[in-house]
Amino acid sequence: MTDDWRLQHLQTQPYLRGVIFERMAYKARRAGWDHDHCVGCWAKFAEHDSDVEPIEREGYTTTADYRNGAQYDWICLTCFADFKDAMGWTTS
């Protein structure tokens, strides 16, 4: 799996190593914010349907102890399952 492009991308972001995540339904960070992306594969998270692409409605997000705060970065369910060990991710 070391040649997986998603893992290669994640490994270029050392601040994501050892992060504690919480699984939850996606909710926009603030009014006017309509989506986020998985930091692994760039899947789109949104509260509302899109005609253009599939939408992730649930995933893993950062907690309050993360350097940028709670619900700042999102990981889709697939990337979390695939890379939690390699990246040292845990859940709260």
PDB file of N, CA and C in Angstrom:
ATOM      1  N   MET A   1       0.818  -1.200   0.000  1.00  0.00           N
ATOM      2  CA  MET A   1       0.000   0.000   0.000  1.00  0.00           C
ATOM      3  C   MET A   1       0.859   1.261   0.000  1.00  0.00           C
ATOM      4  N   THR A   2       2.163   1.145   0.148  1.00  0.00           N
ATOM      5  CA  THR A   2       3.019   2.330   0.194  1.00  0.00           C
ATOM      6  C   THR A   2       3.020   3.106  -1.112  1.00  0.00           C
ATOM      7  N   ASP A   3       2.596   2.479  -2.208  1.00  0.00           N
ATOM      8  CA  ASP A   3       2.549   3.203  -3.479  1.00  0.00           C
ATOM      9  C   ASP A   3       1.175   3.822  -3.747  1.00  0.00           C
ATOM     10  N   ASP A   4       0.296   3.790  -2.772  1.00  0.00           N
ATOM     11  CA  ASP A   4      -1.031   4.401  -2.904  1.00  0.00           C
ATOM     12  C   ASP A   4      -0.858   5.924  -2.916  1.00  0.00           C
ATOM     13  N   TRP A   5      -1.368   6.589  -3.933  1.00  0.00           N
ATOM     14  CA  TRP A   5      -1.208   8.033  -4.060  1.00  0.00           C
ATOM     15  C   TRP A   5      -1.797   8.792  -2.880  1.00  0.00           C
ATOM     16  N   ARG A   6      -2.859   8.232  -2.284  1.00  0.00           N
ATOM     17  CA  ARG A   6      -3.471   8.909  -1.134  1.00  0.00           C
ATOM     18  C   ARG A   6      -2.508   8.929   0.043  1.00  0.00           C
ATOM     19  N   LEU A   7      -1.865   7.795   0.311  1.00  0.00           N
ATOM     20  CA  LEU A   7      -0.907   7.718   1.414  1.00  0.00           C
ATOM     21  C   LEU A   7       0.302   8.597   1.122  1.00  0.00           C
ATOM     22  N   GLN A   8       0.760   8.589  -0.098  1.00  0.00           N
ATOM     23  CA  GLN A   8       1.891   9.449  -0.451  1.00  0.00           C
ATOM     24  C   GLN A   8       1.555  10.910  -0.185  1.00  0.00           C
ATOM     25  N   HIS A   9       0.344  11.297  -0.520  1.00  0.00           N
ATOM     26  CA  HIS A   9      -0.098  12.674  -0.258  1.00  0.00           C
ATOM     27  C   HIS A   9      -0.152  12.954   1.248  1.00  0.00           C
ATOM     28  N   LEU A  10      -0.739  12.054   2.013  1.00  0.00           N
ATOM     29  CA  LEU A  10      -0.844  12.249   3.460  1.00  0.00           C
ATOM     30  C   LEU A  10       0.526  12.348   4.109  1.00  0.00           C
ATOM     31  N   GLN A  11       1.482  11.595   3.629  1.00  0.00           N
ATOM     32  CA  GLN A  11       2.817  11.602   4.216  1.00  0.00           C
ATOM     33  C   GLN A  11       3.564  12.909   3.959  1.00  0.00           C
ATOM     34  N   THR A  12       3.105  13.714   3.041  1.00  0.00           N
ATOM     35  CA  THR A  12       3.721  15.026   2.819  1.00  0.00           C
ATOM     36  C   THR A  12       3.175  16.073   3.789  1.00  0.00           C
ATOM     37  N   GLN A  13       2.256  15.652   4.657  1.00  0.00           N
ATOM     38  CA  GLN A  13       1.635  16.557   5.619  1.00  0.00           C
ATOM     39  C   GLN A  13       1.897  16.036   7.034  1.00  0.00           C
ATOM     40  N   PRO A  14       3.102  16.271   7.565  1.00  0.00           N
ATOM     41  CA  PRO A  14       3.477  15.688   8.857  1.00  0.00           C
ATOM     42  C   PRO A  14       2.578  16.113  10.018  1.00  0.00           C
ATOM     43  N   TYR A  15       1.927  17.247   9.906  1.00  0.00           N
ATOM     44  CA  TYR A  15       1.022  17.697  10.972  1.00  0.00           C
ATOM     45  C   TYR A  15      -0.185  16.781  11.132  1.00  0.00           C
ATOM     46  N   LEU A  16      -0.418  15.866  10.175  1.00  0.00           N
ATOM     47  CA  LEU A  16      -1.538  14.924  10.276  1.00  0.00           C
ATOM     48  C   LEU A  16      -1.154  13.624  10.983  1.00  0.00           C
ATOM     49  N   ARG A  17       0.120  13.435  11.285  1.00  0.00           N
ATOM     50  CA  ARG A  17       0.552  12.208  11.977  1.00  0.00           C
ATOM     51  C   ARG A  17       0.122  12.257  13.437  1.00  0.00           C
ATOM     52  N   GLY A  18      -0.428  11.148  13.903  1.00  0.00           N
ATOM     53  CA  GLY A  18      -0.786  11.012  15.312  1.00  0.00           C
ATOM     54  C   GLY A  18      -1.982  11.827  15.764  1.00  0.00           C
ATOM     55  N   VAL A  19      -2.775  12.312  14.829  1.00  0.00           N
ATOM     56  CA  VAL A  19      -3.926  13.150  15.166  1.00  0.00           C
ATOM     57  C   VAL A  19      -5.072  12.298  15.722  1.00  0.00           C
ATOM     58  N   ILE A  20      -5.788  12.878  16.668  1.00  0.00           N
ATOM     59  CA  ILE A  20      -6.997  12.256  17.225  1.00  0.00           C
ATOM     60  C   ILE A  20      -8.186  12.781  16.434  1.00  0.00           C
ATOM     61  N   PHE A  21      -9.000  11.859  15.954  1.00  0.00           N
ATOM     62  CA  PHE A  21     -10.181  12.217  15.175  1.00  0.00           C
ATOM     63  C   PHE A  21     -11.450  11.773  15.892  1.00  0.00           C
ATOM     64  N   GLU A  22     -12.546  12.367  15.491  1.00  0.00           N
ATOM     65  CA  GLU A  22     -13.872  12.000  15.980  1.00  0.00           C
ATOM     66  C   GLU A  22     -14.750  11.706  14.771  1.00  0.00           C
ATOM     67  N   ARG A  23     -15.472  10.584  14.831  1.00  0.00           N
ATOM     68  CA  ARG A  23     -16.385  10.258  13.732  1.00  0.00           C
ATOM     69  C   ARG A  23     -17.694  11.009  13.941  1.00  0.00           C
ATOM     70  N   MET A  24     -18.149  11.664  12.888  1.00  0.00           N
ATOM     71  CA  MET A  24     -19.401  12.414  13.009  1.00  0.00           C
ATOM     72  C   MET A  24     -19.975  12.737  11.637  1.00  0.00           C
ATOM     73  N   ALA A  25     -21.227  13.146  11.648  1.00  0.00           N
ATOM     74  CA  ALA A  25     -21.875  13.623  10.428  1.00  0.00           C
ATOM     75  C   ALA A  25     -21.265  14.973  10.070  1.00  0.00           C
ATOM     76  N   TYR A  26     -21.098  15.201   8.768  1.00  0.00           N
ATOM     77  CA  TYR A  26     -20.512  16.469   8.334  1.00  0.00           C
ATOM     78  C   TYR A  26     -21.445  17.622   8.641  1.00  0.00           C
ATOM     79  N   LYS A  27     -20.864  18.703   9.154  1.00  0.00           N
ATOM     80  CA  LYS A  27     -21.589  19.945   9.383  1.00  0.00           C
ATOM     81  C   LYS A  27     -20.652  21.082   9.002  1.00  0.00           C
ATOM     82  N   ALA A  28     -21.145  21.990   8.198  1.00  0.00           N
ATOM     83  CA  ALA A  28     -20.332  23.128   7.763  1.00  0.00           C
ATOM     84  C   ALA A  28     -19.818  23.899   8.972  1.00  0.00           C
ATOM     85  N   ARG A  29     -18.603  24.381   8.855  1.00  0.00           N
ATOM     86  CA  ARG A  29     -17.924  25.074   9.946  1.00  0.00           C
ATOM     87  C   ARG A  29     -18.588  26.383  10.338  1.00  0.00           C
ATOM     88  N   ARG A  30     -19.125  27.062   9.365  1.00  0.00           N
ATOM     89  CA  ARG A  30     -19.764  28.358   9.640  1.00  0.00           C
ATOM     90  C   ARG A  30     -20.749  28.679   8.513  1.00  0.00           C
ATOM     91  N   ALA A  31     -21.581  29.674   8.734  1.00  0.00           N
ATOM     92  CA  ALA A  31     -22.547  30.099   7.714  1.00  0.00           C
ATOM     93  C   ALA A  31     -21.798  30.513   6.456  1.00  0.00           C
ATOM     94  N   GLY A  32     -22.323  30.115   5.312  1.00  0.00           N
ATOM     95  CA  GLY A  32     -21.695  30.441   4.046  1.00  0.00           C
ATOM     96  C   GLY A  32     -20.648  29.429   3.592  1.00  0.00           C
ATOM     97  N   TRP A  33     -20.282  28.518   4.456  1.00  0.00           N
ATOM     98  CA  TRP A  33     -19.310  27.465   4.132  1.00  0.00           C
ATOM     99  C   TRP A  33     -20.107  26.284   3.627  1.00  0.00           C
ATOM    100  N   ASP A  34     -19.873  25.837   2.407  1.00  0.00           N
ATOM    101  CA  ASP A  34     -20.755  24.786   1.886  1.00  0.00           C
ATOM    102  C   ASP A  34     -20.133  23.403   1.789  1.00  0.00           C
ATOM    103  N   HIS A  35     -18.789  23.290   1.880  1.00  0.00           N
ATOM    104  CA  HIS A  35     -18.201  21.955   1.808  1.00  0.00           C
ATOM    105  C   HIS A  35     -16.755  21.938   2.303  1.00  0.00           C
ATOM    106  N   ASP A  36     -16.254  20.741   2.512  1.00  0.00           N
ATOM    107  CA  ASP A  36     -14.852  20.478   2.814  1.00  0.00           C
ATOM    108  C   ASP A  36     -14.440  19.294   1.974  1.00  0.00           C
ATOM    109  N   HIS A  37     -13.154  18.934   2.029  1.00  0.00           N
ATOM    110  CA  HIS A  37     -12.643  17.787   1.289  1.00  0.00           C
ATOM    111  C   HIS A  37     -11.854  16.868   2.210  1.00  0.00           C
ATOM    112  N   CYS A  38     -11.853  15.591   1.892  1.00  0.00           N
ATOM    113  CA  CYS A  38     -11.006  14.623   2.583  1.00  0.00           C
ATOM    114  C   CYS A  38      -9.559  15.004   2.308  1.00  0.00           C
ATOM    115  N   VAL A  39      -8.743  15.088   3.354  1.00  0.00           N
ATOM    116  CA  VAL A  39      -7.349  15.462   3.152  1.00  0.00           C
ATOM    117  C   VAL A  39      -6.531  14.327   2.534  1.00  0.00           C
ATOM    118  N   GLY A  40      -7.134  13.148   2.424  1.00  0.00           N
ATOM    119  CA  GLY A  40      -6.453  12.034   1.774  1.00  0.00           C
ATOM    120  C   GLY A  40      -6.758  11.939   0.299  1.00  0.00           C
ATOM    121  N   CYS A  41      -8.022  11.813  -0.040  1.00  0.00           N
ATOM    122  CA  CYS A  41      -8.412  11.549  -1.438  1.00  0.00           C
ATOM    123  C   CYS A  41      -9.172  12.689  -2.102  1.00  0.00           C
ATOM    124  N   TRP A  42      -9.462  13.718  -1.349  1.00  0.00           N
ATOM    125  CA  TRP A  42     -10.151  14.904  -1.841  1.00  0.00           C
ATOM    126  C   TRP A  42     -11.639  14.672  -2.100  1.00  0.00           C
ATOM    127  N   ALA A  43     -12.213  13.604  -1.534  1.00  0.00           N
ATOM    128  CA  ALA A  43     -13.662  13.409  -1.628  1.00  0.00           C
ATOM    129  C   ALA A  43     -14.349  14.622  -0.998  1.00  0.00           C
ATOM    130  N   LYS A  44     -15.492  14.980  -1.535  1.00  0.00           N
ATOM    131  CA  LYS A  44     -16.202  16.171  -1.085  1.00  0.00           C
ATOM    132  C   LYS A  44     -17.175  15.834   0.045  1.00  0.00           C
ATOM    133  N   PHE A  45     -17.088  16.604   1.134  1.00  0.00           N
ATOM    134  CA  PHE A  45     -18.041  16.539   2.241  1.00  0.00           C
ATOM    135  C   PHE A  45     -18.983  17.717   2.117  1.00  0.00           C
ATOM    136  N   ALA A  46     -20.287  17.468   2.250  1.00  0.00           N
ATOM    137  CA  ALA A  46     -21.267  18.552   2.210  1.00  0.00           C
ATOM    138  C   ALA A  46     -22.529  18.108   2.930  1.00  0.00           C
ATOM    139  N   GLU A  47     -23.295  19.081   3.356  1.00  0.00           N
ATOM    140  CA  GLU A  47     -24.566  18.794   4.006  1.00  0.00           C
ATOM    141  C   GLU A  47     -25.680  18.589   2.988  1.00  0.00           C
ATOM    142  N   HIS A  48     -25.515  19.150   1.787  1.00  0.00           N
ATOM    143  CA  HIS A  48     -26.564  19.111   0.777  1.00  0.00           C
ATOM    144  C   HIS A  48     -26.096  18.351  -0.461  1.00  0.00           C
ATOM    145  N   ASP A  49     -27.031  17.779  -1.179  1.00  0.00           N
ATOM    146  CA  ASP A  49     -26.721  17.022  -2.384  1.00  0.00           C
ATOM    147  C   ASP A  49     -26.080  17.898  -3.450  1.00  0.00           C
ATOM    148  N   SER A  50     -25.324  17.233  -4.296  1.00  0.00           N
ATOM    149  CA  SER A  50     -24.685  17.903  -5.428  1.00  0.00           C
ATOM    150  C   SER A  50     -24.997  17.112  -6.683  1.00  0.00           C
ATOM    151  N   ASP A  51     -25.321  17.803  -7.746  1.00  0.00           N
ATOM    152  CA  ASP A  51     -25.561  17.141  -9.027  1.00  0.00           C
ATOM    153  C   ASP A  51     -24.257  16.761  -9.714  1.00  0.00           C
ATOM    154  N   VAL A  52     -23.156  17.330  -9.260  1.00  0.00           N
ATOM    155  CA  VAL A  52     -21.879  17.179  -9.943  1.00  0.00           C
ATOM    156  C   VAL A  52     -21.095  15.954  -9.489  1.00  0.00           C
ATOM    157  N   GLU A  53     -21.094  15.664  -8.207  1.00  0.00           N
ATOM    158  CA  GLU A  53     -20.251  14.587  -7.695  1.00  0.00           C
ATOM    159  C   GLU A  53     -20.879  13.928  -6.470  1.00  0.00           C
ATOM    160  N   PRO A  54     -20.419  12.742  -6.125  1.00  0.00           N
ATOM    161  CA  PRO A  54     -20.898  12.108  -4.896  1.00  0.00           C
ATOM    162  C   PRO A  54     -20.478  12.937  -3.677  1.00  0.00           C
ATOM    163  N   ILE A  55     -21.257  12.866  -2.644  1.00  0.00           N
ATOM    164  CA  ILE A  55     -21.025  13.630  -1.422  1.00  0.00           C
ATOM    165  C   ILE A  55     -20.814  12.682  -0.249  1.00  0.00           C
ATOM    166  N   GLU A  56     -19.815  12.977   0.561  1.00  0.00           N
ATOM    167  CA  GLU A  56     -19.612  12.281   1.834  1.00  0.00           C
ATOM    168  C   GLU A  56     -20.426  13.024   2.875  1.00  0.00           C
ATOM    169  N   ARG A  57     -21.205  12.301   3.619  1.00  0.00           N
ATOM    170  CA  ARG A  57     -22.041  12.922   4.657  1.00  0.00           C
ATOM    171  C   ARG A  57     -21.523  12.653   6.068  1.00  0.00           C
ATOM    172  N   GLU A  58     -20.598  11.705   6.177  1.00  0.00           N
ATOM    173  CA  GLU A  58     -20.048  11.330   7.477  1.00  0.00           C
ATOM    174  C   GLU A  58     -18.579  10.995   7.291  1.00  0.00           C
ATOM    175  N   GLY A  59     -17.802  11.267   8.309  1.00  0.00           N
ATOM    176  CA  GLY A  59     -16.386  10.946   8.239  1.00  0.00           C
ATOM    177  C   GLY A  59     -15.728  11.193   9.576  1.00  0.00           C
ATOM    178  N   TYR A  60     -14.417  11.334   9.542  1.00  0.00           N
ATOM    179  CA  TYR A  60     -13.639  11.613  10.746  1.00  0.00           C
ATOM    180  C   TYR A  60     -13.112  13.027  10.646  1.00  0.00           C
ATOM    181  N   THR A  61     -13.237  13.753  11.739  1.00  0.00           N
ATOM    182  CA  THR A  61     -12.799  15.138  11.761  1.00  0.00           C
ATOM    183  C   THR A  61     -11.930  15.407  12.984  1.00  0.00           C
ATOM    184  N   THR A  62     -11.142  16.450  12.886  1.00  0.00           N
ATOM    185  CA  THR A  62     -10.233  16.796  13.969  1.00  0.00           C
ATOM    186  C   THR A  62     -11.011  17.255  15.204  1.00  0.00           C
ATOM    187  N   THR A  63     -10.346  17.126  16.356  1.00  0.00           N
ATOM    188  CA  THR A  63     -10.941  17.510  17.636  1.00  0.00           C
ATOM    189  C   THR A  63     -10.343  18.841  18.092  1.00  0.00           C
ATOM    190  N   ALA A  64     -10.799  19.334  19.223  1.00  0.00           N
ATOM    191  CA  ALA A  64     -10.377  20.639  19.731  1.00  0.00           C
ATOM    192  C   ALA A  64      -8.877  20.721  19.991  1.00  0.00           C
ATOM    193  N   ASP A  65      -8.211  19.593  20.248  1.00  0.00           N
ATOM    194  CA  ASP A  65      -6.779  19.650  20.532  1.00  0.00           C
ATOM    195  C   ASP A  65      -5.909  19.710  19.268  1.00  0.00           C
ATOM    196  N   TYR A  66      -6.513  19.650  18.099  1.00  0.00           N
ATOM    197  CA  TYR A  66      -5.774  19.757  16.841  1.00  0.00           C
ATOM    198  C   TYR A  66      -5.248  21.180  16.669  1.00  0.00           C
ATOM    199  N   ARG A  67      -4.149  21.326  15.987  1.00  0.00           N
ATOM    200  CA  ARG A  67      -3.499  22.636  15.855  1.00  0.00           C
ATOM    201  C   ARG A  67      -4.405  23.707  15.257  1.00  0.00           C
ATOM    202  N   ASN A  68      -5.355  23.314  14.414  1.00  0.00           N
ATOM    203  CA  ASN A  68      -6.295  24.273  13.821  1.00  0.00           C
ATOM    204  C   ASN A  68      -7.695  24.168  14.403  1.00  0.00           C
ATOM    205  N   GLY A  69      -7.861  23.325  15.413  1.00  0.00           N
ATOM    206  CA  GLY A  69      -9.139  23.221  16.095  1.00  0.00           C
ATOM    207  C   GLY A  69     -10.054  22.122  15.584  1.00  0.00           C
ATOM    208  N   ALA A  70     -11.191  22.036  16.230  1.00  0.00           N
ATOM    209  CA  ALA A  70     -12.182  21.004  15.930  1.00  0.00           C
ATOM    210  C   ALA A  70     -12.820  21.224  14.566  1.00  0.00           C
ATOM    211  N   GLN A  71     -13.091  20.128  13.899  1.00  0.00           N
ATOM    212  CA  GLN A  71     -13.789  20.106  12.605  1.00  0.00           C
ATOM    213  C   GLN A  71     -13.067  20.935  11.546  1.00  0.00           C
ATOM    214  N   TYR A  72     -11.746  21.001  11.644  1.00  0.00           N
ATOM    215  CA  TYR A  72     -10.979  21.748  10.645  1.00  0.00           C
ATOM    216  C   TYR A  72     -10.630  20.873   9.444  1.00  0.00           C
ATOM    217  N   ASP A  73     -10.062  19.705   9.698  1.00  0.00           N
ATOM    218  CA  ASP A  73      -9.724  18.766   8.632  1.00  0.00           C
ATOM    219  C   ASP A  73     -10.629  17.547   8.725  1.00  0.00           C
ATOM    220  N   TRP A  74     -10.965  16.999   7.562  1.00  0.00           N
ATOM    221  CA  TRP A  74     -11.853  15.839   7.462  1.00  0.00           C
ATOM    222  C   TRP A  74     -11.162  14.704   6.719  1.00  0.00           C
ATOM    223  N   ILE A  75     -11.453  13.474   7.151  1.00  0.00           N
ATOM    224  CA  ILE A  75     -10.967  12.255   6.503  1.00  0.00           C
ATOM    225  C   ILE A  75     -12.192  11.396   6.196  1.00  0.00           C
ATOM    226  N   CYS A  76     -12.304  10.925   4.965  1.00  0.00           N
ATOM    227  CA  CYS A  76     -13.443  10.058   4.630  1.00  0.00           C
ATOM    228  C   CYS A  76     -13.282   8.705   5.317  1.00  0.00           C
ATOM    229  N   LEU A  77     -14.367   7.967   5.413  1.00  0.00           N
ATOM    230  CA  LEU A  77     -14.354   6.670   6.092  1.00  0.00           C
ATOM    231  C   LEU A  77     -13.348   5.716   5.456  1.00  0.00           C
ATOM    232  N   THR A  78     -13.252   5.726   4.139  1.00  0.00           N
ATOM    233  CA  THR A  78     -12.340   4.814   3.440  1.00  0.00           C
ATOM    234  C   THR A  78     -10.888   5.148   3.744  1.00  0.00           C
ATOM    235  N   CYS A  79     -10.508   6.404   3.617  1.00  0.00           N
ATOM    236  CA  CYS A  79      -9.118   6.789   3.885  1.00  0.00           C
ATOM    237  C   CYS A  79      -8.753   6.543   5.348  1.00  0.00           C
ATOM    238  N   PHE A  80      -9.680   6.800   6.256  1.00  0.00           N
ATOM    239  CA  PHE A  80      -9.378   6.564   7.663  1.00  0.00           C
ATOM    240  C   PHE A  80      -9.094   5.082   7.899  1.00  0.00           C
ATOM    241  N   ALA A  81      -9.939   4.216   7.380  1.00  0.00           N
ATOM    242  CA  ALA A  81      -9.737   2.773   7.552  1.00  0.00           C
ATOM    243  C   ALA A  81      -8.430   2.323   6.893  1.00  0.00           C
ATOM    244  N   ASP A  82      -8.138   2.860   5.728  1.00  0.00           N
ATOM    245  CA  ASP A  82      -6.950   2.444   4.984  1.00  0.00           C
ATOM    246  C   ASP A  82      -5.645   2.929   5.603  1.00  0.00           C
ATOM    247  N   PHE A  83      -5.645   4.091   6.247  1.00  0.00           N
ATOM    248  CA  PHE A  83      -4.385   4.715   6.650  1.00  0.00           C
ATOM    249  C   PHE A  83      -4.252   5.044   8.133  1.00  0.00           C
ATOM    250  N   LYS A  84      -5.209   4.639   8.962  1.00  0.00           N
ATOM    251  CA  LYS A  84      -5.127   4.993  10.382  1.00  0.00           C
ATOM    252  C   LYS A  84      -3.864   4.442  11.032  1.00  0.00           C
ATOM    253  N   ASP A  85      -3.470   3.232  10.693  1.00  0.00           N
ATOM    254  CA  ASP A  85      -2.265   2.666  11.290  1.00  0.00           C
ATOM    255  C   ASP A  85      -1.005   3.353  10.763  1.00  0.00           C
ATOM    256  N   ALA A  86      -0.918   3.535   9.463  1.00  0.00           N
ATOM    257  CA  ALA A  86       0.260   4.160   8.857  1.00  0.00           C
ATOM    258  C   ALA A  86       0.453   5.593   9.347  1.00  0.00           C
ATOM    259  N   MET A  87      -0.641   6.291   9.621  1.00  0.00           N
ATOM    260  CA  MET A  87      -0.564   7.694  10.051  1.00  0.00           C
ATOM    261  C   MET A  87      -0.646   7.855  11.570  1.00  0.00           C
ATOM    262  N   GLY A  88      -0.901   6.767  12.293  1.00  0.00           N
ATOM    263  CA  GLY A  88      -0.983   6.844  13.744  1.00  0.00           C
ATOM    264  C   GLY A  88      -2.216   7.547  14.249  1.00  0.00           C
ATOM    265  N   TRP A  89      -3.299   7.467  13.491  1.00  0.00           N
ATOM    266  CA  TRP A  89      -4.541   8.126  13.883  1.00  0.00           C
ATOM    267  C   TRP A  89      -5.282   7.323  14.927  1.00  0.00           C
ATOM    268  N   THR A  90      -5.933   8.010  15.848  1.00  0.00           N
ATOM    269  CA  THR A  90      -6.803   7.391  16.848  1.00  0.00           C
ATOM    270  C   THR A  90      -8.113   8.152  16.889  1.00  0.00           C
ATOM    271  N   THR A  91      -9.075   7.601  17.624  1.00  0.00           N
ATOM    272  CA  THR A  91     -10.361   8.277  17.767  1.00  0.00           C
ATOM    273  C   THR A  91     -10.606   8.608  19.223  1.00  0.00           C
ATOM    274  N   SER A  92     -11.404   9.646  19.417  1.00  0.00           N
ATOM    275  CA  SER A  92     -11.738  10.065  20.783  1.00  0.00           C
ATOM    276  C   SER A  92     -12.959   9.320  21.272  1.00  0.00           C
TER     277      SER A  92
END
